Amino acid sequence: MSGILEAGGEVKYTFIRKHTKKYTVKLLCSLLKVSRQGYYDWLKRRKSNRVFDNEILIDDIRKIYTEFKGRYGSPRIALELCRRGNFTSKNRVTRHMQQIGLAALP
C-alpha cells in the first residue's frame, strides 16, 4: 500500500472508489492523506477529451487487431488507422497495445 501513498491523486481516488464497499470513505481518505471533498469532486468530474480519444483509439486498435487475426503489430495497425482517417503515431499505438495486452502473433 506504500506505493499507492506515493502516487498521484488519480490513483488514490481510484483506490478509494474500489474499496468503499469494505471501508468508509472517511477512513480511506484519512489513510491516503487526501480530503473527502477532493474525492467527491473527483467523482463528479467528467472525463477529459484525451481520455475519450484514447478509448476510441483503443476500440479501433482492437477492431483492426481482430480483423487481421492478430497478425498486425503496432506499425501496421498505425498505418491502417491512418488509412481509415485516424491519424496517430506508431508509438502511441504501441503504448495502447501494451496497456491492453495485445501483441502480434508470430
Protein backbone atom coordinates (compact mmCIF):
# COMPACT_ATOMS: atom_id res chain seq x y z
CA MET A 1 0.00 0.00 0.00
CA SER A 2 3.02 2.30 0.34
CA GLY A 3 3.21 2.61 -3.47
CA ILE A 4 -0.33 3.98 -3.50
CA LEU A 5 0.51 6.56 -0.85
CA GLU A 6 3.29 7.97 -3.01
CA ALA A 7 1.25 8.04 -6.22
CA GLY A 8 -0.80 10.96 -7.56
CA GLY A 9 -4.38 11.85 -6.64
CA GLU A 10 -5.92 9.95 -9.55
CA VAL A 11 -4.53 6.64 -8.32
CA LYS A 12 -5.53 7.37 -4.73
CA TYR A 13 -9.07 8.31 -5.70
CA THR A 14 -9.42 5.20 -7.86
CA PHE A 15 -8.21 3.09 -4.94
CA ILE A 16 -10.78 4.71 -2.65
CA ARG A 17 -13.60 4.10 -5.15
CA LYS A 18 -12.66 0.41 -5.44
CA HIS A 19 -12.56 -0.14 -1.67
CA THR A 20 -15.58 1.85 -0.43
CA LYS A 21 -17.66 -1.31 -0.07
CA LYS A 22 -15.30 -2.65 2.58
CA TYR A 23 -14.10 0.58 4.26
CA THR A 24 -15.57 4.03 4.82
CA VAL A 25 -14.58 6.93 2.60
CA LYS A 26 -13.56 8.86 5.70
CA LEU A 27 -11.10 6.15 6.77
CA LEU A 28 -9.63 5.67 3.29
CA CYS A 29 -9.18 9.42 2.76
CA SER A 30 -7.51 9.70 6.14
CA LEU A 31 -5.09 6.84 5.39
CA LEU A 32 -4.23 8.16 1.93
CA LYS A 33 -3.98 11.76 3.15
CA VAL A 34 -6.50 13.24 0.73
CA SER A 35 -9.54 15.34 1.54
CA ARG A 36 -13.01 13.85 1.31
CA GLN A 37 -14.16 16.92 -0.59
CA GLY A 38 -11.38 16.35 -3.14
CA TYR A 39 -12.50 12.75 -3.58
CA TYR A 40 -16.15 13.72 -4.07
CA ASP A 41 -15.16 16.48 -6.52
CA TRP A 42 -13.13 13.90 -8.43
CA LEU A 43 -16.18 11.61 -8.63
CA LYS A 44 -18.27 14.40 -10.20
CA ARG A 45 -15.61 15.37 -12.73
CA ARG A 46 -16.26 14.28 -16.30
CA LYS A 47 -13.69 12.50 -18.46
CA SER A 48 -11.27 14.66 -20.42
CA ASN A 49 -11.24 14.80 -24.21
CA ARG A 50 -7.93 12.93 -24.20
CA VAL A 51 -9.49 10.05 -22.25
CA PHE A 52 -12.39 9.88 -24.74
CA ASP A 53 -9.92 9.93 -27.66
CA ASN A 54 -7.88 7.14 -26.06
CA GLU A 55 -10.98 4.99 -25.54
CA ILE A 56 -11.97 5.41 -29.20
CA LEU A 57 -8.43 4.68 -30.33
CA ILE A 58 -8.25 1.52 -28.20
CA ASP A 59 -11.55 0.31 -29.67
CA ASP A 60 -10.21 0.94 -33.20
CA ILE A 61 -6.95 -0.88 -32.37
CA ARG A 62 -8.91 -3.89 -31.09
CA LYS A 63 -11.10 -3.93 -34.23
CA ILE A 64 -8.10 -3.86 -36.57
CA TYR A 65 -6.24 -6.43 -34.46
CA THR A 66 -9.15 -8.89 -34.62
CA GLU A 67 -9.90 -8.06 -38.26
CA PHE A 68 -6.38 -9.15 -39.21
CA LYS A 69 -6.49 -12.12 -36.80
CA GLY A 70 -3.75 -10.76 -34.54
CA ARG A 71 -1.13 -10.73 -37.27
CA TYR A 72 -0.66 -6.96 -37.26
CA GLY A 73 1.67 -5.25 -34.81
CA SER A 74 1.75 -1.59 -33.91
CA PRO A 75 3.44 -0.31 -37.12
CA ARG A 76 0.87 -1.93 -39.40
CA ILE A 77 -2.04 -1.01 -37.14
CA ALA A 78 -0.86 2.61 -37.09
CA LEU A 79 -0.75 2.60 -40.91
CA GLU A 80 -4.20 1.03 -41.10
CA LEU A 81 -5.56 3.66 -38.71
CA CYS A 82 -4.10 6.38 -40.94
CA ARG A 83 -5.72 4.78 -43.99
CA ARG A 84 -9.04 4.92 -42.16
CA GLY A 85 -8.60 8.59 -41.26
CA ASN A 86 -7.47 8.24 -37.64
CA PHE A 87 -4.00 9.78 -37.76
CA THR A 88 -1.83 8.71 -34.84
CA SER A 89 1.74 7.67 -34.21
CA LYS A 90 3.18 4.18 -34.06
CA ASN A 91 4.46 4.89 -30.56
CA ARG A 92 1.01 5.77 -29.27
CA VAL A 93 -0.43 2.61 -30.81
CA THR A 94 2.42 0.60 -29.23
CA ARG A 95 1.71 2.09 -25.79
CA HIS A 96 -2.01 1.30 -26.01
CA MET A 97 -1.42 -2.21 -27.31
CA GLN A 98 0.88 -2.90 -24.36
CA GLN A 99 -1.70 -1.49 -21.92
CA ILE A 100 -4.45 -3.78 -23.21
CA GLY A 101 -2.17 -6.78 -23.67
CA LEU A 102 -2.14 -7.14 -27.44
CA ALA A 103 0.87 -8.34 -29.41
CA ALA A 104 1.28 -9.54 -32.99
CA LEU A 105 1.29 -13.29 -33.41
CA PRO A 106 4.45 -14.86 -34.85
